Structure formats: C-alpha cells, structure tokens
C-alpha atoms as a PDB file:
ATOM      1  CA  UNK A   1     -10.501  -9.765  -9.072  1.00  0.00           C
ATOM      2  CA  UNK A   2     -11.267 -12.523  -6.610  1.00  0.00           C
ATOM      3  CA  UNK A   3     -15.012 -13.038  -6.937  1.00  0.00           C
ATOM      4  CA  UNK A   4     -17.909 -11.921  -9.143  1.00  0.00           C
ATOM      5  CA  UNK A   5     -19.093  -8.957  -7.085  1.00  0.00           C
ATOM      6  CA  UNK A   6     -18.646  -5.252  -7.660  1.00  0.00           C
ATOM      7  CA  UNK A   7     -17.167  -2.589  -5.430  1.00  0.00           C
ATOM      8  CA  UNK A   8     -20.436  -0.687  -5.668  1.00  0.00           C
ATOM      9  CA  UNK A   9     -22.146   1.930  -3.497  1.00  0.00           C
ATOM     10  CA  UNK A  10     -23.326  -0.724  -1.029  1.00  0.00           C
ATOM     11  CA  UNK A  11     -19.744  -1.951  -0.575  1.00  0.00           C
ATOM     12  CA  UNK A  12     -18.409   1.510   0.207  1.00  0.00           C
ATOM     13  CA  UNK A  13     -21.353   2.314   2.456  1.00  0.00           C
ATOM     14  CA  UNK A  14     -20.724  -0.817   4.530  1.00  0.00           C
ATOM     15  CA  UNK A  15     -16.946  -0.767   4.770  1.00  0.00           C
ATOM     16  CA  UNK A  16     -16.208   2.977   4.667  1.00  0.00           C
ATOM     17  CA  UNK A  17     -19.252   5.051   5.613  1.00  0.00           C
ATOM     18  CA  UNK A  18     -21.598   3.322   8.070  1.00  0.00           C
ATOM     19  CA  UNK A  19     -20.222   3.746  11.649  1.00  0.00           C
ATOM     20  CA  UNK A  20     -21.847   0.433  12.634  1.00  0.00           C
ATOM     21  CA  UNK A  21     -20.112  -1.697  10.016  1.00  0.00           C
ATOM     22  CA  UNK A  22     -16.865   0.048   9.062  1.00  0.00           C
ATOM     23  CA  UNK A  23     -13.512  -0.846  10.580  1.00  0.00           C
ATOM     24  CA  UNK A  24     -12.366   2.750  11.029  1.00  0.00           C
ATOM     25  CA  UNK A  25     -13.147   6.232   9.832  1.00  0.00           C
ATOM     26  CA  UNK A  26     -11.306   8.968   7.976  1.00  0.00           C
ATOM     27  CA  UNK A  27      -9.863  10.450  11.171  1.00  0.00           C
ATOM     28  CA  UNK A  28      -8.253   7.169  12.193  1.00  0.00           C
ATOM     29  CA  UNK A  29      -6.995   6.554   8.677  1.00  0.00           C
ATOM     30  CA  UNK A  30      -5.246   9.930   8.881  1.00  0.00           C
ATOM     31  CA  UNK A  31      -3.022   8.454  11.615  1.00  0.00           C
ATOM     32  CA  UNK A  32      -1.869   5.821   9.124  1.00  0.00           C
ATOM     33  CA  UNK A  33      -1.034   8.434   6.496  1.00  0.00           C
ATOM     34  CA  UNK A  34       0.790  10.596   9.024  1.00  0.00           C
ATOM     35  CA  UNK A  35       2.735   7.566  10.221  1.00  0.00           C
ATOM     36  CA  UNK A  36       3.799   6.474   6.754  1.00  0.00           C
ATOM     37  CA  UNK A  37       4.783   9.979   5.692  1.00  0.00           C
ATOM     38  CA  UNK A  38       6.604  10.534   8.976  1.00  0.00           C
ATOM     39  CA  UNK A  39       8.636   7.336   8.659  1.00  0.00           C
ATOM     40  CA  UNK A  40       9.654   8.148   5.105  1.00  0.00           C
ATOM     41  CA  UNK A  41      10.809  11.563   6.282  1.00  0.00           C
ATOM     42  CA  UNK A  42      12.757   9.844   9.089  1.00  0.00           C
ATOM     43  CA  UNK A  43      14.425   7.565   6.540  1.00  0.00           C
ATOM     44  CA  UNK A  44      15.402  10.654   4.561  1.00  0.00           C
ATOM     45  CA  UNK A  45      13.146   9.826   1.622  1.00  0.00           C
ATOM     46  CA  UNK A  46      11.341  12.890   0.223  1.00  0.00           C
ATOM     47  CA  UNK A  47       7.840  12.226  -1.110  1.00  0.00           C
ATOM     48  CA  UNK A  48       6.846  14.324  -4.110  1.00  0.00           C
ATOM     49  CA  UNK A  49       4.629  11.749  -5.829  1.00  0.00           C
ATOM     50  CA  UNK A  50       2.138   9.145  -4.601  1.00  0.00           C
ATOM     51  CA  UNK A  51       0.343   6.392  -6.508  1.00  0.00           C
ATOM     52  CA  UNK A  52      -2.659   5.102  -4.558  1.00  0.00           C
ATOM     53  CA  UNK A  53      -3.735   1.744  -6.037  1.00  0.00           C
ATOM     54  CA  UNK A  54      -7.252   0.897  -4.915  1.00  0.00           C
ATOM     55  CA  UNK A  55      -7.897   4.341  -3.473  1.00  0.00           C
ATOM     56  CA  UNK A  56     -11.387   3.576  -2.165  1.00  0.00           C
ATOM     57  CA  UNK A  57     -13.158   6.780  -1.170  1.00  0.00           C
ATOM     58  CA  UNK A  58     -10.019   8.872  -1.622  1.00  0.00           C
ATOM     59  CA  UNK A  59      -8.791   9.356   1.944  1.00  0.00           C
ATOM     60  CA  UNK A  60      -5.129   9.599   0.850  1.00  0.00           C
ATOM     61  CA  UNK A  61      -6.106  12.066  -1.870  1.00  0.00           C
ATOM     62  CA  UNK A  62      -7.968  14.338   0.544  1.00  0.00           C
ATOM     63  CA  UNK A  63      -5.260  14.216   3.221  1.00  0.00           C
ATOM     64  CA  UNK A  64      -2.532  15.116   0.734  1.00  0.00           C
ATOM     65  CA  UNK A  65      -4.648  17.910  -0.757  1.00  0.00           C
ATOM     66  CA  UNK A  66      -4.956  19.419   2.702  1.00  0.00           C
ATOM     67  CA  UNK A  67      -1.526  18.759   4.203  1.00  0.00           C
ATOM     68  CA  UNK A  68       0.869  18.163   1.280  1.00  0.00           C
ATOM     69  CA  UNK A  69      -0.347  20.145  -1.686  1.00  0.00           C
ATOM     70  CA  UNK A  70       3.097  19.893  -3.267  1.00  0.00           C
ATOM     71  CA  UNK A  71       2.722  16.128  -3.770  1.00  0.00           C
ATOM     72  CA  UNK A  72       1.584  14.822  -7.153  1.00  0.00           C
ATOM     73  CA  UNK A  73      -1.181  12.254  -6.545  1.00  0.00           C
ATOM     74  CA  UNK A  74      -2.608   9.561  -8.810  1.00  0.00           C
ATOM     75  CA  UNK A  75      -5.339   7.288  -7.456  1.00  0.00           C
ATOM     76  CA  UNK A  76      -6.949   4.252  -9.076  1.00  0.00           C
ATOM     77  CA  UNK A  77     -10.063   2.180  -8.522  1.00  0.00           C
ATOM     78  CA  UNK A  78     -11.831  -0.638 -10.304  1.00  0.00           C
ATOM     79  CA  UNK A  79     -15.387   0.673 -10.683  1.00  0.00           C
ATOM     80  CA  UNK A  80     -16.147   3.488 -13.115  1.00  0.00           C
ATOM     81  CA  UNK A  81     -18.769   5.069 -10.845  1.00  0.00           C
ATOM     82  CA  UNK A  82     -16.280   5.281  -7.961  1.00  0.00           C
ATOM     83  CA  UNK A  83     -13.658   6.827 -10.230  1.00  0.00           C
ATOM     84  CA  UNK A  84     -16.096   9.476 -11.406  1.00  0.00           C
ATOM     85  CA  UNK A  85     -17.199  10.278  -7.870  1.00  0.00           C
ATOM     86  CA  UNK A  86     -13.716  10.659  -6.390  1.00  0.00           C
ATOM     87  CA  UNK A  87     -11.675  11.715  -9.414  1.00  0.00           C
ATOM     88  CA  UNK A  88      -9.694   8.505  -9.814  1.00  0.00           C
ATOM     89  CA  UNK A  89      -8.217   6.570 -12.711  1.00  0.00           C
ATOM     90  CA  UNK A  90     -10.118   3.398 -13.579  1.00  0.00           C
ATOM     91  CA  UNK A  91      -7.621   0.525 -13.573  1.00  0.00           C
ATOM     92  CA  UNK A  92      -7.071  -3.072 -12.489  1.00  0.00           C
ATOM     93  CA  UNK A  93      -3.782  -3.627 -10.666  1.00  0.00           C
ATOM     94  CA  UNK A  94      -3.196  -6.728 -12.783  1.00  0.00           C
ATOM     95  CA  UNK A  95      -2.971  -4.539 -15.892  1.00  0.00           C
ATOM     96  CA  UNK A  96      -1.863  -1.205 -14.444  1.00  0.00           C
ATOM     97  CA  UNK A  97       1.562  -0.121 -15.697  1.00  0.00           C
ATOM     98  CA  UNK A  98       1.965   3.657 -15.830  1.00  0.00           C
ATOM     99  CA  UNK A  99       4.983   5.118 -17.602  1.00  0.00           C
ATOM    100  CA  UNK A 100       6.124   7.117 -14.567  1.00  0.00           C
ATOM    101  CA  UNK A 101       7.435   5.927 -11.218  1.00  0.00           C
ATOM    102  CA  UNK A 102       6.488   7.233  -7.772  1.00  0.00           C
ATOM    103  CA  UNK A 103       8.235   8.017  -4.495  1.00  0.00           C
ATOM    104  CA  UNK A 104       5.486   6.148  -2.640  1.00  0.00           C
ATOM    105  CA  UNK A 105       3.043   3.529  -3.909  1.00  0.00           C
ATOM    106  CA  UNK A 106       0.086   2.728  -1.645  1.00  0.00           C
ATOM    107  CA  UNK A 107      -1.659  -0.620  -2.050  1.00  0.00           C
ATOM    108  CA  UNK A 108      -4.053  -0.932   0.874  1.00  0.00           C
ATOM    109  CA  UNK A 109      -6.301  -3.998   0.989  1.00  0.00           C
ATOM    110  CA  UNK A 110      -6.122  -4.716  -2.753  1.00  0.00           C
ATOM    111  CA  UNK A 111      -3.974  -7.815  -3.301  1.00  0.00           C
ATOM    112  CA  UNK A 112      -6.227 -10.253  -1.371  1.00  0.00           C
ATOM    113  CA  UNK A 113      -8.879  -9.656  -4.054  1.00  0.00           C
ATOM    114  CA  UNK A 114      -6.494 -10.532  -6.898  1.00  0.00           C
ATOM    115  CA  UNK A 115      -6.679 -14.080  -8.229  1.00  0.00           C
ATOM    116  CA  UNK A 116      -3.684 -16.417  -8.019  1.00  0.00           C
ATOM    117  CA  UNK A 117      -2.926 -16.119 -11.729  1.00  0.00           C
ATOM    118  CA  UNK A 118      -2.903 -12.319 -11.584  1.00  0.00           C
ATOM    119  CA  UNK A 119      -1.013 -11.855  -8.319  1.00  0.00           C
ATOM    120  CA  UNK A 120       2.556 -12.086  -9.707  1.00  0.00           C
ATOM    121  CA  UNK A 121       1.748  -9.569 -12.449  1.00  0.00           C
ATOM    122  CA  UNK A 122       0.064  -7.239  -9.947  1.00  0.00           C
ATOM    123  CA  UNK A 123       3.152  -7.192  -7.712  1.00  0.00           C
ATOM    124  CA  UNK A 124       5.465  -6.792 -10.709  1.00  0.00           C
ATOM    125  CA  UNK A 125       3.379  -3.774 -11.729  1.00  0.00           C
ATOM    126  CA  UNK A 126       3.665  -2.219  -8.257  1.00  0.00           C
ATOM    127  CA  UNK A 127       7.430  -2.683  -8.422  1.00  0.00           C
ATOM    128  CA  UNK A 128       7.679  -1.190 -11.922  1.00  0.00           C
ATOM    129  CA  UNK A 129       5.871   1.962 -10.806  1.00  0.00           C
ATOM    130  CA  UNK A 130       7.878   2.381  -7.590  1.00  0.00           C
ATOM    131  CA  UNK A 131      11.366   3.815  -7.187  1.00  0.00           C
ATOM    132  CA  UNK A 132      11.209   4.155  -3.416  1.00  0.00           C
ATOM    133  CA  UNK A 133       8.679   2.744  -0.988  1.00  0.00           C
ATOM    134  CA  UNK A 134       5.447   0.777  -1.100  1.00  0.00           C
ATOM    135  CA  UNK A 135       2.952   0.822   1.737  1.00  0.00           C
ATOM    136  CA  UNK A 136       1.049  -2.452   1.549  1.00  0.00           C
ATOM    137  CA  UNK A 137      -1.714  -4.057   3.552  1.00  0.00           C
ATOM    138  CA  UNK A 138      -2.942  -7.540   2.624  1.00  0.00           C
ATOM    139  CA  UNK A 139      -4.761  -9.708   5.124  1.00  0.00           C
ATOM    140  CA  UNK A 140      -3.562 -13.303   5.139  1.00  0.00           C
ATOM    141  CA  UNK A 141      -5.031 -16.680   5.990  1.00  0.00           C
ATOM    142  CA  UNK A 142      -3.538 -16.424   9.476  1.00  0.00           C
ATOM    143  CA  UNK A 143      -4.986 -12.937   9.979  1.00  0.00           C
ATOM    144  CA  UNK A 144      -8.452 -14.285   9.264  1.00  0.00           C
ATOM    145  CA  UNK A 145      -8.149 -16.776  12.123  1.00  0.00           C
ATOM    146  CA  UNK A 146      -7.840 -14.159  14.845  1.00  0.00           C
ATOM    147  CA  UNK A 147      -6.182 -10.884  13.903  1.00  0.00           C
ATOM    148  CA  UNK A 148      -9.170  -9.238  12.237  1.00  0.00           C
ATOM    149  CA  UNK A 149     -12.789  -8.784  13.228  1.00  0.00           C
ATOM    150  CA  UNK A 150     -14.537 -10.964  10.651  1.00  0.00           C
ATOM    151  CA  UNK A 151     -17.893  -9.301  11.384  1.00  0.00           C
ATOM    152  CA  UNK A 152     -16.513  -6.018  10.027  1.00  0.00           C
ATOM    153  CA  UNK A 153     -13.926  -7.272   7.537  1.00  0.00           C
ATOM    154  CA  UNK A 154     -14.717  -8.340   3.986  1.00  0.00           C
ATOM    155  CA  UNK A 155     -13.630 -11.989   4.001  1.00  0.00           C
ATOM    156  CA  UNK A 156     -14.598 -12.650   0.371  1.00  0.00           C
ATOM    157  CA  UNK A 157     -10.922 -12.667  -0.555  1.00  0.00           C
ATOM    158  CA  UNK A 158      -8.261 -15.235  -1.311  1.00  0.00           C
ATOM    159  CA  UNK A 159      -7.152 -16.796   1.970  1.00  0.00           C
ATOM    160  CA  UNK A 160      -3.428 -16.979   1.254  1.00  0.00           C
ATOM    161  CA  UNK A 161      -0.529 -17.529   3.656  1.00  0.00           C
ATOM    162  CA  UNK A 162       1.737 -14.551   4.190  1.00  0.00           C
ATOM    163  CA  UNK A 163       4.584 -16.510   2.588  1.00  0.00           C
ATOM    164  CA  UNK A 164       2.791 -16.376  -0.758  1.00  0.00           C
ATOM    165  CA  UNK A 165       2.952 -12.580  -0.749  1.00  0.00           C
ATOM    166  CA  UNK A 166       6.476 -12.391   0.649  1.00  0.00           C
ATOM    167  CA  UNK A 167       7.880 -14.726  -2.011  1.00  0.00           C
ATOM    168  CA  UNK A 168       6.696 -12.341  -4.743  1.00  0.00           C
ATOM    169  CA  UNK A 169       7.390  -9.073  -2.937  1.00  0.00           C
ATOM    170  CA  UNK A 170      10.934  -9.997  -1.950  1.00  0.00           C
ATOM    171  CA  UNK A 171      11.959 -10.222  -5.590  1.00  0.00           C
ATOM    172  CA  UNK A 172      11.686  -6.438  -5.728  1.00  0.00           C
ATOM    173  CA  UNK A 173      11.545  -5.069  -2.176  1.00  0.00           C
ATOM    174  CA  UNK A 174      13.111  -5.154   1.267  1.00  0.00           C
ATOM    175  CA  UNK A 175      10.554  -5.547   4.046  1.00  0.00           C
ATOM    176  CA  UNK A 176      10.942  -2.650   6.446  1.00  0.00           C
ATOM    177  CA  UNK A 177       7.986  -3.418   8.711  1.00  0.00           C
ATOM    178  CA  UNK A 178       4.613  -1.910   9.623  1.00  0.00           C
ATOM    179  CA  UNK A 179       3.503  -2.427   6.025  1.00  0.00           C
ATOM    180  CA  UNK A 180       6.442  -0.604   4.440  1.00  0.00           C
ATOM    181  CA  UNK A 181       8.575  -2.191   1.709  1.00  0.00           C
ATOM    182  CA  UNK A 182      11.590  -0.456   0.158  1.00  0.00           C
ATOM    183  CA  UNK A 183      12.652  -0.940  -3.447  1.00  0.00           C
ATOM    184  CA  UNK A 184      15.848  -2.997  -3.522  1.00  0.00           C
ATOM    185  CA  UNK A 185      17.544  -0.762  -6.063  1.00  0.00           C
ATOM    186  CA  UNK A 186      16.626   2.527  -4.360  1.00  0.00           C
ATOM    187  CA  UNK A 187      19.909   2.731  -2.430  1.00  0.00           C
ATOM    188  CA  UNK A 188      18.159   3.212   0.932  1.00  0.00           C
ATOM    189  CA  UNK A 189      20.207   2.038   3.910  1.00  0.00           C
ATOM    190  CA  UNK A 190      18.622   0.677   7.073  1.00  0.00           C
ATOM    191  CA  UNK A 191      20.052  -0.132  10.464  1.00  0.00           C
ATOM    192  CA  UNK A 192      20.398  -3.788  11.414  1.00  0.00           C
ATOM    193  CA  UNK A 193      17.233  -4.019  13.519  1.00  0.00           C
ATOM    194  CA  UNK A 194      15.053  -2.069  11.076  1.00  0.00           C
ATOM    195  CA  UNK A 195      14.775  -4.912   8.564  1.00  0.00           C
ATOM    196  CA  UNK A 196      15.144  -8.706   8.598  1.00  0.00           C
ATOM    197  CA  UNK A 197      18.823  -9.768   8.284  1.00  0.00           C
ATOM    198  CA  UNK A 198      18.629 -11.381   4.810  1.00  0.00           C
ATOM    199  CA  UNK A 199      16.969  -8.281   3.377  1.00  0.00           C
ATOM    200  CA  UNK A 200      19.490  -5.903   4.918  1.00  0.00           C
ATOM    201  CA  UNK A 201      22.428  -7.749   3.394  1.00  0.00           C
ATOM    202  CA  UNK A 202      21.133  -7.081  -0.110  1.00  0.00           C
ATOM    203  CA  UNK A 203      20.976  -3.289   0.305  1.00  0.00           C
ATOM    204  CA  UNK A 204      23.648  -0.855  -0.843  1.00  0.00           C
ATOM    205  CA  UNK A 205      25.929   0.490   1.858  1.00  0.00           C
ATOM    206  CA  UNK A 206      25.464   4.251   2.108  1.00  0.00           C
ATOM    207  CA  UNK A 207      25.512   6.570   5.091  1.00  0.00           C
ATOM    208  CA  UNK A 208      22.362   8.203   6.374  1.00  0.00           C
ATOM    209  CA  UNK A 209      22.433  11.231   8.663  1.00  0.00           C
ATOM    210  CA  UNK A 210      20.802  11.151  12.077  1.00  0.00           C
ATOM    211  CA  UNK A 211      20.720  13.262  15.235  1.00  0.00           C
ATOM    212  CA  UNK A 212      23.320  11.326  17.202  1.00  0.00           C
ATOM    213  CA  UNK A 213      26.376  10.539  15.095  1.00  0.00           C
ATOM    214  CA  UNK A 214      24.479   8.378  12.586  1.00  0.00           C
ATOM    215  CA  UNK A 215      20.725   8.883  13.070  1.00  0.00           C
END
C-alpha cells in the first residue's frame, strides 16, 4: 500500500468510530448503500453477489445481512486482526483475483493507498472480478485542495489527478456517475445524458424497459 503504516485499531477508531474524528457514521453510510442498490435496480441490473474490497468495519456486510439476505457477500481487508473481527478475507487488491465474478464490486477509499506500480494491476483485478458494476470512491489531488475536510480525512495517500484513475478504469468500464462504473462488456444500455458521450458510443445497443415508453 501507499505508506508504511497499518490499518490498525487506532485507524478504525479515528476514521470510523469516534464521532469527533470520523467523516460519517453507519447510518449515513446506509444512504450510500441504498442509493447504489436503488440505481442498479433502476438500471435493471439484479444484484445477487457483492464483492467489497477494503470493507473496513463491514458496513456493507451488515446492511446486506439485514436488508438483502439473498445476496452473496465477500468482503476483504488488509489487516489480519480486522479480518478476524469482522469476518473478512485477508487480501491486497494488488494481488486479489478470485475465480468468480460479482454483480457489484465495491471499492471505497482503497485505490488512493495503492502505489503507482500496483495501481494498474489493482484496477485490472477489479475488472476481472466484475461482470456488472463497480462502485468506486478514490479521492484525487484536486479533491484534497478543497472538496474534502483534511482535518477528518486521511491524507496519507497518493495525491493523483483524476485522469490517472480514469485512464486505467476506462479500459474496462463506462463511467456512469456518482461513483458508479459499468463493465463495458456487460451489455448495459444507458441514455445519452446518463454517461459521457465517448463512453456511451462504446456500449451495445439494447432496449431497456421504463415507465414511460422507454424508462
């Protein structure tokens, strides 16, 4: 990962548990999960499996266990102690390549910690394990100049421009927006204003049902 520090108990206490130093809590994070799952349902993409890369304290796992018990969930983390505590698979995204693919891959706040040499492999791995959508959050160099609260955000990450991520992601995915990326070969069709024009042109042309004539 980016620097020689561990994602230990102190890290999780500061960024996930302590109300004075965390960005948000489990209740707010639930809005994110509901939003992602709702959009995939809107796009007509059923979610029966989720891979959560860098699962942290397991908020996705707990939400799915409560609200979507039919969904197969696999979560990963880097530290063995965290994996034991939350029932996760110990893995580094640079080396993670499971044999199965997932309807949704979540990669929230992980890639900024990955070194430059490992970043292409990490994104290739995400693509290899996805056959539908990826939800991705990765703060960029521009974000760190005004979009995030640096007193609450871990800034010990690689300060990369967004273009560095896009160049690698666009080999495999279409950018949908709001952190969602769709696998290019998934056959998912989007309306013109749902994705950037160059991305839309590379998608397969198939009809998607919607309430009024089309959707």
